[in-house]
C-alpha cells in the first residue's frame, strides 16, 4: 500500500482519518475544514507564484524528481513536485537545489513547505521531515534540512529533518500496518475531531 504525504499528515491527526482516506471515503461537509483547506491552498498558490516571479525562467521546473536526472540538473527550484521511493510518495511544494562547494561536489536538496498558520504545530515539522525522508530515499543521499515558510509575515523556519528520521520511520511502519488491516482502528476522539471533514461519518460509525 502506497503511503503518501497526505496519508502521513492525516495519521498525525487521527488513525481513523488516515484509514478512511486510504479507502477513498467521501468526506462530508465541515465548514471549518473547508475553510482551512481553502486558506492553505490559497497561501501555497500565492507563495509559489511569488517564488516563480522572483526567479528566472530557467531556475524553476515543474516535474517529478528523477534520481538520474539530478546528477546534471540545472534548475534551482522544482515546484509542486513528486518524489517516490518504494512504497512512499510525497508531494512537495518546492525542492530547492543548492550547489555544493564541498569536496564531494554533491548538490544539496532542501524540501520547502508553505503553511498559512502563524503558529506551527509539531505535525508541520513531521510532514516536512516525511518529505525529506522520501527525497532522501529517492536520491540515496541524506536530506538533513528543510524549510517551512508560514504565516502573515512569511516567516522561514529551518528544520533539521535529520533529527526526525527515526520518528518518521516509526510512523511509516505504523501507517503501513494500519493500511494492511482489513478492519478500521479503534476510534479515539481527540481535539482534531471538530475540525475533521469525516467528523459526521465518524460519529455515525461510533454510534
N, C-alpha and C. Protein backbone atom coordinates (compact mmCIF):
# COMPACT_ATOMS: atom_id res chain seq x y z
N UNK A 1 0.85 -1.20 0.00
CA UNK A 1 0.00 0.00 0.00
C UNK A 1 0.88 1.25 0.00
N UNK A 2 0.56 2.19 -0.89
CA UNK A 2 1.34 3.42 -1.01
C UNK A 2 1.03 4.37 0.14
N UNK A 3 2.09 4.82 0.81
CA UNK A 3 1.95 5.80 1.89
C UNK A 3 2.31 7.16 1.32
N UNK A 4 1.33 8.04 1.20
CA UNK A 4 1.54 9.37 0.64
C UNK A 4 1.70 10.39 1.76
N UNK A 5 2.17 11.57 1.38
CA UNK A 5 2.28 12.65 2.37
C UNK A 5 0.91 13.03 2.91
N UNK A 6 -0.12 12.89 2.09
CA UNK A 6 -1.48 13.19 2.53
C UNK A 6 -1.92 12.22 3.62
N UNK A 7 -1.63 10.94 3.43
CA UNK A 7 -1.99 9.93 4.43
C UNK A 7 -1.14 10.08 5.69
N UNK A 8 0.12 10.43 5.51
CA UNK A 8 1.01 10.63 6.65
C UNK A 8 0.50 11.79 7.51
N UNK A 9 0.12 12.89 6.87
CA UNK A 9 -0.39 14.04 7.61
C UNK A 9 -1.70 13.70 8.31
N UNK A 10 -2.57 12.94 7.63
CA UNK A 10 -3.85 12.54 8.23
C UNK A 10 -3.62 11.66 9.45
N UNK A 11 -2.62 10.77 9.38
CA UNK A 11 -2.34 9.87 10.50
C UNK A 11 -1.92 10.65 11.75
N UNK A 12 -1.19 11.74 11.55
CA UNK A 12 -0.76 12.56 12.68
C UNK A 12 -1.95 13.17 13.41
N UNK A 13 -3.04 13.38 12.68
CA UNK A 13 -4.25 13.92 13.29
C UNK A 13 -5.09 12.82 13.93
N UNK A 14 -5.22 11.70 13.20
CA UNK A 14 -6.13 10.64 13.67
C UNK A 14 -5.94 9.40 12.82
N UNK A 15 -5.81 8.23 13.46
CA UNK A 15 -5.65 6.99 12.72
C UNK A 15 -6.88 6.68 11.87
N UNK A 16 -8.05 6.98 12.41
CA UNK A 16 -9.28 6.72 11.67
C UNK A 16 -9.35 7.58 10.42
N UNK A 17 -8.94 8.83 10.53
CA UNK A 17 -8.94 9.72 9.37
C UNK A 17 -8.02 9.18 8.28
N UNK A 18 -6.86 8.71 8.68
CA UNK A 18 -5.92 8.13 7.72
C UNK A 18 -6.53 6.90 7.05
N UNK A 19 -7.16 6.04 7.84
CA UNK A 19 -7.76 4.82 7.32
C UNK A 19 -8.86 5.14 6.31
N UNK A 20 -9.73 6.08 6.66
CA UNK A 20 -10.83 6.46 5.77
C UNK A 20 -10.31 7.07 4.46
N UNK A 21 -9.28 7.90 4.55
CA UNK A 21 -8.70 8.48 3.33
C UNK A 21 -8.09 7.41 2.46
N UNK A 22 -7.46 6.42 3.06
CA UNK A 22 -6.83 5.36 2.27
C UNK A 22 -7.87 4.55 1.50
N UNK A 23 -9.09 4.50 2.03
CA UNK A 23 -10.18 3.78 1.36
C UNK A 23 -10.89 4.63 0.31
N UNK A 24 -10.52 5.92 0.26
CA UNK A 24 -11.17 6.82 -0.69
C UNK A 24 -12.56 7.22 -0.26
N UNK A 25 -12.81 7.18 1.05
CA UNK A 25 -14.12 7.58 1.58
C UNK A 25 -14.41 9.04 1.24
N UNK A 26 -15.65 9.32 0.92
CA UNK A 26 -16.06 10.69 0.59
C UNK A 26 -16.23 11.50 1.87
N UNK A 27 -15.55 12.63 1.91
CA UNK A 27 -15.65 13.50 3.09
C UNK A 27 -17.00 14.20 3.12
N UNK A 28 -17.47 14.49 4.29
CA UNK A 28 -18.73 15.22 4.45
C UNK A 28 -18.43 16.71 4.63
N UNK A 29 -19.47 17.50 4.59
CA UNK A 29 -19.27 18.95 4.71
C UNK A 29 -18.91 19.32 6.15
N UNK A 30 -17.89 20.16 6.25
CA UNK A 30 -17.48 20.70 7.54
C UNK A 30 -16.96 22.10 7.26
N UNK A 31 -17.66 23.09 7.74
CA UNK A 31 -17.33 24.47 7.41
C UNK A 31 -15.90 24.85 7.76
N UNK A 32 -15.46 24.45 8.95
CA UNK A 32 -14.11 24.82 9.36
C UNK A 32 -13.06 24.10 8.52
N UNK A 33 -13.27 22.81 8.28
CA UNK A 33 -12.34 22.04 7.46
C UNK A 33 -12.24 22.62 6.05
N UNK A 34 -13.38 23.00 5.48
CA UNK A 34 -13.38 23.60 4.14
C UNK A 34 -12.60 24.92 4.14
N UNK A 35 -12.78 25.70 5.20
CA UNK A 35 -12.08 26.99 5.30
C UNK A 35 -10.57 26.78 5.40
N UNK A 36 -10.15 25.81 6.19
CA UNK A 36 -8.71 25.54 6.34
C UNK A 36 -8.10 25.11 5.02
N UNK A 37 -8.78 24.22 4.30
CA UNK A 37 -8.27 23.76 3.01
C UNK A 37 -8.16 24.92 2.03
N UNK A 38 -9.17 25.80 2.02
CA UNK A 38 -9.16 26.94 1.10
C UNK A 38 -8.02 27.91 1.45
N UNK A 39 -7.85 28.18 2.74
CA UNK A 39 -6.77 29.06 3.18
C UNK A 39 -5.40 28.49 2.83
N UNK A 40 -5.24 27.20 3.06
CA UNK A 40 -3.96 26.56 2.79
C UNK A 40 -3.65 26.56 1.29
N UNK A 41 -4.65 26.25 0.48
CA UNK A 41 -4.45 26.22 -0.97
C UNK A 41 -4.11 27.60 -1.51
N UNK A 42 -4.80 28.61 -1.01
CA UNK A 42 -4.55 29.98 -1.44
C UNK A 42 -3.15 30.44 -1.05
N UNK A 43 -2.76 30.14 0.18
CA UNK A 43 -1.43 30.55 0.68
C UNK A 43 -0.33 29.87 -0.14
N UNK A 44 -0.46 28.57 -0.35
CA UNK A 44 0.53 27.83 -1.13
C UNK A 44 0.64 28.39 -2.55
N UNK A 45 -0.50 28.64 -3.16
CA UNK A 45 -0.52 29.16 -4.54
C UNK A 45 0.19 30.51 -4.63
N UNK A 46 -0.11 31.40 -3.68
CA UNK A 46 0.48 32.74 -3.69
C UNK A 46 1.98 32.69 -3.46
N UNK A 47 2.42 31.83 -2.55
CA UNK A 47 3.85 31.75 -2.25
C UNK A 47 4.63 31.12 -3.40
N UNK A 48 4.05 30.14 -4.05
CA UNK A 48 4.71 29.54 -5.22
C UNK A 48 4.78 30.56 -6.35
N UNK A 49 3.70 31.31 -6.53
CA UNK A 49 3.69 32.34 -7.56
C UNK A 49 4.76 33.40 -7.27
N UNK A 50 4.88 33.78 -5.99
CA UNK A 50 5.88 34.76 -5.59
C UNK A 50 7.30 34.25 -5.88
N UNK A 51 7.52 32.98 -5.59
CA UNK A 51 8.83 32.38 -5.82
C UNK A 51 9.18 32.37 -7.30
N UNK A 52 8.20 31.98 -8.13
CA UNK A 52 8.43 31.92 -9.58
C UNK A 52 8.71 33.31 -10.15
N UNK A 53 7.98 34.31 -9.68
CA UNK A 53 8.17 35.68 -10.16
C UNK A 53 9.55 36.23 -9.81
N UNK A 54 10.10 35.79 -8.69
CA UNK A 54 11.41 36.27 -8.25
C UNK A 54 12.56 35.51 -8.93
N UNK A 55 12.24 34.41 -9.62
CA UNK A 55 13.27 33.57 -10.22
C UNK A 55 13.27 33.74 -11.74
N UNK A 56 14.36 33.37 -12.35
CA UNK A 56 14.43 33.40 -13.81
C UNK A 56 13.71 32.19 -14.37
N UNK A 57 13.41 32.21 -15.66
CA UNK A 57 12.65 31.13 -16.28
C UNK A 57 13.38 29.79 -16.22
N UNK A 58 14.70 29.83 -16.23
CA UNK A 58 15.48 28.59 -16.23
C UNK A 58 15.68 28.03 -14.83
N UNK A 59 15.34 28.80 -13.80
CA UNK A 59 15.58 28.34 -12.43
C UNK A 59 14.48 27.43 -11.89
N UNK A 60 13.29 27.51 -12.47
CA UNK A 60 12.15 26.75 -11.95
C UNK A 60 11.68 25.69 -12.94
N UNK A 61 11.40 24.50 -12.42
CA UNK A 61 10.81 23.44 -13.23
C UNK A 61 9.61 22.87 -12.47
N UNK A 62 8.71 22.27 -13.21
CA UNK A 62 7.54 21.63 -12.60
C UNK A 62 7.46 20.21 -13.12
N UNK A 63 8.03 19.28 -12.38
CA UNK A 63 8.01 17.87 -12.77
C UNK A 63 8.49 17.02 -11.60
N UNK A 64 8.23 15.74 -11.71
CA UNK A 64 8.69 14.81 -10.68
C UNK A 64 10.22 14.75 -10.70
N UNK A 65 10.79 14.46 -9.53
CA UNK A 65 12.25 14.40 -9.42
C UNK A 65 12.73 13.00 -9.77
N UNK A 66 13.70 12.94 -10.65
CA UNK A 66 14.29 11.68 -11.08
C UNK A 66 15.73 11.61 -10.58
N UNK A 67 16.09 10.50 -9.95
CA UNK A 67 17.43 10.39 -9.35
C UNK A 67 18.54 10.52 -10.37
N UNK A 68 18.34 9.96 -11.56
CA UNK A 68 19.38 10.05 -12.59
C UNK A 68 19.49 11.48 -13.13
N UNK A 69 18.36 12.15 -13.23
CA UNK A 69 18.34 13.49 -13.82
C UNK A 69 19.04 14.52 -12.95
N UNK A 70 18.97 14.35 -11.62
CA UNK A 70 19.51 15.38 -10.74
C UNK A 70 21.04 15.47 -10.82
N UNK A 71 21.68 14.44 -11.34
CA UNK A 71 23.13 14.48 -11.46
C UNK A 71 23.58 15.61 -12.38
N UNK A 72 22.74 15.94 -13.35
CA UNK A 72 23.10 17.02 -14.29
C UNK A 72 22.08 18.15 -14.27
N UNK A 73 21.33 18.25 -13.19
CA UNK A 73 20.27 19.26 -13.11
C UNK A 73 20.83 20.67 -13.14
N UNK A 74 20.07 21.56 -13.78
CA UNK A 74 20.45 22.97 -13.84
C UNK A 74 19.46 23.84 -13.08
N UNK A 75 18.32 23.28 -12.73
CA UNK A 75 17.29 24.06 -12.06
C UNK A 75 17.68 24.37 -10.62
N UNK A 76 17.06 25.42 -10.08
CA UNK A 76 17.26 25.77 -8.68
C UNK A 76 16.05 25.37 -7.84
N UNK A 77 14.85 25.46 -8.45
CA UNK A 77 13.63 25.12 -7.73
C UNK A 77 12.80 24.14 -8.54
N UNK A 78 12.41 23.03 -7.92
CA UNK A 78 11.43 22.11 -8.51
C UNK A 78 10.11 22.38 -7.80
N UNK A 79 9.12 22.87 -8.54
CA UNK A 79 7.88 23.37 -7.95
C UNK A 79 6.77 22.33 -8.04
N UNK A 80 6.03 22.18 -6.93
CA UNK A 80 4.92 21.22 -6.86
C UNK A 80 5.34 19.89 -7.46
N UNK A 81 6.38 19.34 -6.89
CA UNK A 81 7.00 18.14 -7.44
C UNK A 81 6.63 16.91 -6.62
N UNK A 82 6.80 15.75 -7.22
CA UNK A 82 6.51 14.49 -6.55
C UNK A 82 7.78 13.66 -6.44
N UNK A 83 8.03 13.15 -5.24
CA UNK A 83 9.15 12.25 -5.02
C UNK A 83 8.57 10.90 -4.59
N UNK A 84 9.08 9.83 -5.18
CA UNK A 84 8.55 8.50 -4.86
C UNK A 84 9.69 7.51 -4.70
N UNK A 85 9.65 6.74 -3.63
CA UNK A 85 10.65 5.70 -3.38
C UNK A 85 9.97 4.53 -2.69
N UNK A 86 10.07 3.36 -3.29
CA UNK A 86 9.43 2.15 -2.77
C UNK A 86 7.94 2.40 -2.56
N UNK A 87 7.46 2.26 -1.32
CA UNK A 87 6.02 2.43 -1.07
C UNK A 87 5.71 3.81 -0.48
N UNK A 88 6.61 4.77 -0.68
CA UNK A 88 6.43 6.11 -0.15
C UNK A 88 6.33 7.13 -1.28
N UNK A 89 5.42 8.07 -1.12
CA UNK A 89 5.28 9.13 -2.13
C UNK A 89 4.95 10.45 -1.43
N UNK A 90 5.68 11.49 -1.80
CA UNK A 90 5.44 12.80 -1.19
C UNK A 90 5.28 13.85 -2.26
N UNK A 91 4.23 14.64 -2.12
CA UNK A 91 4.02 15.79 -2.99
C UNK A 91 4.56 17.01 -2.26
N UNK A 92 5.64 17.58 -2.77
CA UNK A 92 6.39 18.63 -2.08
C UNK A 92 6.13 19.97 -2.76
N UNK A 93 5.85 20.99 -1.95
CA UNK A 93 5.57 22.31 -2.52
C UNK A 93 6.73 22.77 -3.40
N UNK A 94 7.93 22.75 -2.85
CA UNK A 94 9.13 23.17 -3.59
C UNK A 94 10.33 22.38 -3.08
N UNK A 95 11.22 21.99 -3.99
CA UNK A 95 12.52 21.46 -3.61
C UNK A 95 13.57 22.45 -4.14
N UNK A 96 14.39 22.93 -3.23
CA UNK A 96 15.45 23.86 -3.61
C UNK A 96 16.76 23.09 -3.77
N UNK A 97 17.46 23.35 -4.87
CA UNK A 97 18.75 22.71 -5.11
C UNK A 97 19.86 23.75 -4.94
N UNK A 98 20.80 23.45 -4.05
CA UNK A 98 21.92 24.34 -3.81
C UNK A 98 23.21 23.65 -4.24
N UNK A 99 24.00 24.34 -5.02
CA UNK A 99 25.26 23.77 -5.48
C UNK A 99 26.24 23.68 -4.33
N UNK A 100 26.79 22.50 -4.14
CA UNK A 100 27.71 22.28 -3.04
C UNK A 100 29.09 22.80 -3.37
N UNK A 101 29.71 23.39 -2.36
CA UNK A 101 31.09 23.87 -2.50
C UNK A 101 32.07 22.90 -1.85
N UNK A 102 31.54 21.81 -1.30
CA UNK A 102 32.39 20.85 -0.61
C UNK A 102 33.18 19.98 -1.58
N UNK A 103 34.06 19.16 -1.01
CA UNK A 103 34.91 18.31 -1.82
C UNK A 103 34.13 17.24 -2.58
N UNK A 104 33.00 16.80 -1.99
CA UNK A 104 32.23 15.75 -2.65
C UNK A 104 31.44 16.25 -3.85
N UNK A 105 31.25 17.59 -3.93
CA UNK A 105 30.56 18.22 -5.06
C UNK A 105 29.11 17.77 -5.19
N UNK A 106 28.53 17.20 -4.15
CA UNK A 106 27.13 16.79 -4.21
C UNK A 106 26.23 17.98 -3.89
N UNK A 107 25.26 18.22 -4.75
CA UNK A 107 24.32 19.31 -4.52
C UNK A 107 23.46 19.00 -3.29
N UNK A 108 22.99 20.06 -2.65
CA UNK A 108 22.09 19.92 -1.51
C UNK A 108 20.66 20.10 -1.99
N UNK A 109 19.76 19.26 -1.50
CA UNK A 109 18.34 19.36 -1.86
C UNK A 109 17.54 19.62 -0.59
N UNK A 110 16.77 20.71 -0.61
CA UNK A 110 16.06 21.17 0.57
C UNK A 110 14.56 21.24 0.27
N UNK A 111 13.75 20.40 0.89
CA UNK A 111 12.29 20.50 0.70
C UNK A 111 11.74 21.73 1.42
N UNK A 112 10.76 22.39 0.80
CA UNK A 112 10.14 23.58 1.37
C UNK A 112 8.64 23.38 1.37
N UNK A 113 8.01 23.71 2.50
CA UNK A 113 6.55 23.68 2.60
C UNK A 113 6.04 25.05 2.98
N UNK A 114 4.86 25.40 2.44
CA UNK A 114 4.20 26.66 2.76
C UNK A 114 2.97 26.36 3.61
N UNK A 115 2.84 27.06 4.74
CA UNK A 115 1.72 26.84 5.65
C UNK A 115 1.17 28.19 6.09
N UNK A 116 -0.14 28.36 5.98
CA UNK A 116 -0.73 29.67 6.27
C UNK A 116 -0.76 30.00 7.75
N UNK A 117 -0.63 29.01 8.63
CA UNK A 117 -0.74 29.23 10.07
C UNK A 117 0.40 30.09 10.60
N UNK A 118 0.07 31.00 11.49
CA UNK A 118 1.10 31.82 12.13
C UNK A 118 1.85 31.03 13.19
N UNK A 119 1.13 30.13 13.87
CA UNK A 119 1.73 29.31 14.91
C UNK A 119 1.77 27.87 14.42
N UNK A 120 2.95 27.28 14.41
CA UNK A 120 3.10 25.94 13.87
C UNK A 120 2.98 24.88 14.95
N UNK A 121 2.34 23.78 14.58
CA UNK A 121 2.27 22.60 15.44
C UNK A 121 3.41 21.67 15.04
N UNK A 122 3.79 20.77 15.95
CA UNK A 122 4.87 19.83 15.66
C UNK A 122 4.57 19.01 14.41
N UNK A 123 3.29 18.78 14.12
CA UNK A 123 2.92 18.00 12.94
C UNK A 123 3.52 18.58 11.67
N UNK A 124 3.59 19.91 11.58
CA UNK A 124 4.13 20.56 10.39
C UNK A 124 5.58 20.15 10.16
N UNK A 125 6.35 20.04 11.24
CA UNK A 125 7.75 19.63 11.13
C UNK A 125 7.85 18.17 10.70
N UNK A 126 6.95 17.33 11.23
CA UNK A 126 6.99 15.91 10.88
C UNK A 126 6.61 15.67 9.42
N UNK A 127 5.64 16.43 8.91
CA UNK A 127 5.28 16.29 7.49
C UNK A 127 6.45 16.72 6.61
N UNK A 128 7.12 17.80 6.99
CA UNK A 128 8.31 18.24 6.25
C UNK A 128 9.40 17.17 6.34
N UNK A 129 9.55 16.56 7.51
CA UNK A 129 10.55 15.51 7.67
C UNK A 129 10.21 14.29 6.80
N UNK A 130 8.91 14.02 6.62
CA UNK A 130 8.49 12.95 5.71
C UNK A 130 8.91 13.29 4.29
N UNK A 131 8.70 14.54 3.88
CA UNK A 131 9.17 14.99 2.56
C UNK A 131 10.66 14.70 2.40
N UNK A 132 11.43 15.11 3.40
CA UNK A 132 12.88 14.94 3.35
C UNK A 132 13.27 13.47 3.32
N UNK A 133 12.55 12.65 4.08
CA UNK A 133 12.85 11.22 4.14
C UNK A 133 12.62 10.55 2.78
N UNK A 134 11.49 10.84 2.16
CA UNK A 134 11.19 10.25 0.84
C UNK A 134 12.21 10.73 -0.19
N UNK A 135 12.52 12.03 -0.14
CA UNK A 135 13.50 12.59 -1.06
C UNK A 135 14.87 11.94 -0.86
N UNK A 136 15.21 11.71 0.41
CA UNK A 136 16.48 11.05 0.72
C UNK A 136 16.53 9.63 0.18
N UNK A 137 15.42 8.90 0.35
CA UNK A 137 15.35 7.54 -0.17
C UNK A 137 15.44 7.51 -1.69
N UNK A 138 14.83 8.49 -2.32
CA UNK A 138 14.86 8.57 -3.78
C UNK A 138 16.27 8.88 -4.30
N UNK A 139 16.90 9.88 -3.71
CA UNK A 139 18.20 10.34 -4.18
C UNK A 139 19.36 9.51 -3.64
N UNK A 140 19.06 8.70 -2.60
CA UNK A 140 20.08 7.88 -1.95
C UNK A 140 21.20 8.75 -1.38
N UNK A 141 20.78 9.81 -0.73
CA UNK A 141 21.72 10.69 -0.03
C UNK A 141 20.95 11.38 1.08
N UNK A 142 21.66 11.86 2.06
CA UNK A 142 20.99 12.50 3.19
C UNK A 142 20.36 13.83 2.79
N UNK A 143 19.14 14.03 3.23
CA UNK A 143 18.46 15.32 3.11
C UNK A 143 18.17 15.75 4.54
N UNK A 144 19.09 16.49 5.09
CA UNK A 144 19.05 16.76 6.52
C UNK A 144 18.45 18.08 6.94
N UNK A 145 18.02 18.87 5.95
CA UNK A 145 17.47 20.20 6.27
C UNK A 145 16.25 20.49 5.41
N UNK A 146 15.25 21.13 6.01
CA UNK A 146 14.07 21.57 5.28
C UNK A 146 13.64 22.94 5.78
N UNK A 147 12.70 23.54 5.06
CA UNK A 147 12.21 24.86 5.44
C UNK A 147 10.68 24.88 5.44
N UNK A 148 10.13 25.61 6.41
CA UNK A 148 8.70 25.89 6.41
C UNK A 148 8.54 27.40 6.36
N UNK A 149 7.85 27.90 5.35
CA UNK A 149 7.55 29.33 5.25
C UNK A 149 6.08 29.47 5.61
N UNK A 150 5.80 30.29 6.63
CA UNK A 150 4.44 30.28 7.16
C UNK A 150 4.01 31.65 7.68
N UNK A 151 2.69 31.79 7.77
CA UNK A 151 2.09 32.94 8.43
C UNK A 151 2.05 34.22 7.61
N UNK A 152 1.44 35.22 8.21
CA UNK A 152 1.25 36.51 7.55
C UNK A 152 2.58 37.17 7.19
N UNK A 153 3.59 36.95 8.01
CA UNK A 153 4.89 37.59 7.79
C UNK A 153 5.83 36.73 6.96
N UNK A 154 5.33 35.59 6.48
CA UNK A 154 6.14 34.66 5.69
C UNK A 154 7.44 34.31 6.42
N UNK A 155 7.29 33.95 7.66
CA UNK A 155 8.44 33.58 8.49
C UNK A 155 9.04 32.26 7.99
N UNK A 156 10.37 32.20 7.93
CA UNK A 156 11.05 30.99 7.50
C UNK A 156 11.60 30.23 8.70
N UNK A 157 11.14 29.00 8.85
CA UNK A 157 11.63 28.14 9.92
C UNK A 157 12.50 27.04 9.30
N UNK A 158 13.74 26.98 9.72
CA UNK A 158 14.64 25.92 9.25
C UNK A 158 14.52 24.73 10.20
N UNK A 159 14.32 23.56 9.62
CA UNK A 159 14.11 22.35 10.41
C UNK A 159 15.19 21.34 10.09
N UNK A 160 15.85 20.85 11.14
CA UNK A 160 16.83 19.78 10.96
C UNK A 160 16.08 18.46 10.84
N UNK A 161 15.73 18.13 9.62
CA UNK A 161 14.92 16.93 9.39
C UNK A 161 15.66 15.65 9.73
N UNK A 162 16.99 15.71 9.72
CA UNK A 162 17.78 14.53 10.07
C UNK A 162 17.49 14.07 11.49
N UNK A 163 17.13 15.02 12.37
CA UNK A 163 16.84 14.69 13.76
C UNK A 163 15.50 13.97 13.92
N UNK A 164 14.68 13.99 12.87
CA UNK A 164 13.33 13.42 12.96
C UNK A 164 13.18 12.13 12.16
N UNK A 165 14.28 11.66 11.56
CA UNK A 165 14.22 10.48 10.70
C UNK A 165 13.70 9.26 11.44
N UNK A 166 14.20 9.00 12.65
CA UNK A 166 13.78 7.81 13.38
C UNK A 166 12.28 7.84 13.69
N UNK A 167 11.76 9.03 14.00
CA UNK A 167 10.33 9.15 14.29
C UNK A 167 9.50 8.94 13.02
N UNK A 168 9.99 9.46 11.90
CA UNK A 168 9.29 9.28 10.63
C UNK A 168 9.26 7.80 10.26
N UNK A 169 10.37 7.11 10.43
CA UNK A 169 10.42 5.66 10.16
C UNK A 169 9.40 4.92 11.01
N UNK A 170 9.36 5.25 12.29
CA UNK A 170 8.44 4.58 13.20
C UNK A 170 6.99 4.81 12.78
N UNK A 171 6.67 6.05 12.39
CA UNK A 171 5.31 6.38 11.99
C UNK A 171 4.92 5.69 10.69
N UNK A 172 5.84 5.64 9.73
CA UNK A 172 5.52 4.99 8.45
C UNK A 172 5.29 3.49 8.64
N UNK A 173 6.02 2.89 9.57
CA UNK A 173 5.79 1.46 9.86
C UNK A 173 4.39 1.26 10.45
N UNK A 174 3.97 2.16 11.34
CA UNK A 174 2.63 2.05 11.92
C UNK A 174 1.55 2.28 10.87
N UNK A 175 1.79 3.24 9.97
CA UNK A 175 0.81 3.52 8.91
C UNK A 175 0.70 2.33 7.97
N UNK A 176 1.83 1.73 7.65
CA UNK A 176 1.83 0.55 6.78
C UNK A 176 1.00 -0.57 7.38
N UNK A 177 1.17 -0.81 8.68
CA UNK A 177 0.39 -1.85 9.36
C UNK A 177 -1.09 -1.51 9.36
N UNK A 178 -1.41 -0.24 9.54
CA UNK A 178 -2.81 0.21 9.55
C UNK A 178 -3.46 -0.01 8.19
N UNK A 179 -2.76 0.34 7.13
CA UNK A 179 -3.33 0.25 5.79
C UNK A 179 -3.46 -1.19 5.32
N UNK A 180 -2.68 -2.10 5.91
CA UNK A 180 -2.78 -3.51 5.54
C UNK A 180 -3.89 -4.22 6.29
N UNK A 181 -4.46 -3.53 7.28
CA UNK A 181 -5.52 -4.13 8.09
C UNK A 181 -6.85 -4.11 7.34
N UNK A 182 -7.66 -5.14 7.57
CA UNK A 182 -8.98 -5.21 6.95
C UNK A 182 -10.05 -4.51 7.77
N UNK A 183 -9.72 -4.15 8.98
CA UNK A 183 -10.69 -3.51 9.86
C UNK A 183 -10.19 -2.15 10.31
N UNK A 184 -11.10 -1.22 10.55
CA UNK A 184 -10.70 0.12 10.97
C UNK A 184 -10.09 0.11 12.36
N UNK A 185 -9.26 1.10 12.68
CA UNK A 185 -8.66 1.16 14.01
C UNK A 185 -9.70 1.54 15.06
N UNK A 186 -9.35 1.32 16.30
CA UNK A 186 -10.23 1.73 17.38
C UNK A 186 -10.36 3.24 17.37
N UNK A 187 -11.59 3.71 17.42
CA UNK A 187 -11.83 5.15 17.34
C UNK A 187 -11.49 5.83 18.66
N UNK A 188 -10.62 6.82 18.57
CA UNK A 188 -10.24 7.61 19.74
C UNK A 188 -10.51 9.08 19.41
N UNK A 189 -11.46 9.67 20.09
CA UNK A 189 -11.79 11.07 19.83
C UNK A 189 -10.69 11.96 20.40
N UNK A 190 -10.37 13.04 19.66
CA UNK A 190 -9.35 13.98 20.12
C UNK A 190 -9.72 15.40 19.71
N UNK A 191 -8.82 16.33 19.93
CA UNK A 191 -9.11 17.74 19.68
C UNK A 191 -9.33 18.06 18.19
N UNK A 192 -8.83 17.19 17.34
CA UNK A 192 -8.97 17.45 15.90
C UNK A 192 -10.37 17.12 15.38
N UNK A 193 -11.11 16.31 16.09
CA UNK A 193 -12.39 15.81 15.60
C UNK A 193 -13.36 16.90 15.11
N UNK A 194 -13.56 17.99 15.86
CA UNK A 194 -14.49 19.01 15.37
C UNK A 194 -14.04 19.68 14.07
N UNK A 195 -12.74 19.57 13.76
CA UNK A 195 -12.20 20.20 12.56
C UNK A 195 -12.15 19.25 11.38
N UNK A 196 -12.46 17.98 11.61
CA UNK A 196 -12.25 16.95 10.60
C UNK A 196 -13.40 16.87 9.61
N UNK A 197 -13.07 16.66 8.33
CA UNK A 197 -14.10 16.54 7.31
C UNK A 197 -14.87 15.23 7.42
N UNK A 198 -14.35 14.27 8.19
CA UNK A 198 -15.02 12.99 8.38
C UNK A 198 -15.81 12.95 9.68
N UNK A 199 -15.87 14.05 10.42
CA UNK A 199 -16.48 14.05 11.74
C UNK A 199 -17.90 13.45 11.77
N UNK A 200 -18.83 13.88 10.91
CA UNK A 200 -20.17 13.30 10.95
C UNK A 200 -20.17 11.80 10.70
N UNK A 201 -19.35 11.33 9.75
CA UNK A 201 -19.29 9.91 9.43
C UNK A 201 -18.72 9.12 10.61
N UNK A 202 -17.73 9.72 11.29
CA UNK A 202 -17.10 9.04 12.43
C UNK A 202 -18.10 8.91 13.57
N UNK A 203 -18.89 9.94 13.77
CA UNK A 203 -19.92 9.91 14.83
C UNK A 203 -20.92 8.80 14.56
N UNK A 204 -21.32 8.66 13.27
CA UNK A 204 -22.27 7.61 12.89
C UNK A 204 -21.67 6.23 13.14
N UNK A 205 -20.40 6.06 12.75
CA UNK A 205 -19.74 4.78 12.94
C UNK A 205 -19.64 4.42 14.43
N UNK A 206 -19.35 5.46 15.24
CA UNK A 206 -19.20 5.24 16.69
C UNK A 206 -20.55 4.85 17.30
N UNK A 207 -21.62 5.45 16.81
CA UNK A 207 -22.94 5.13 17.32
C UNK A 207 -23.33 3.70 16.95
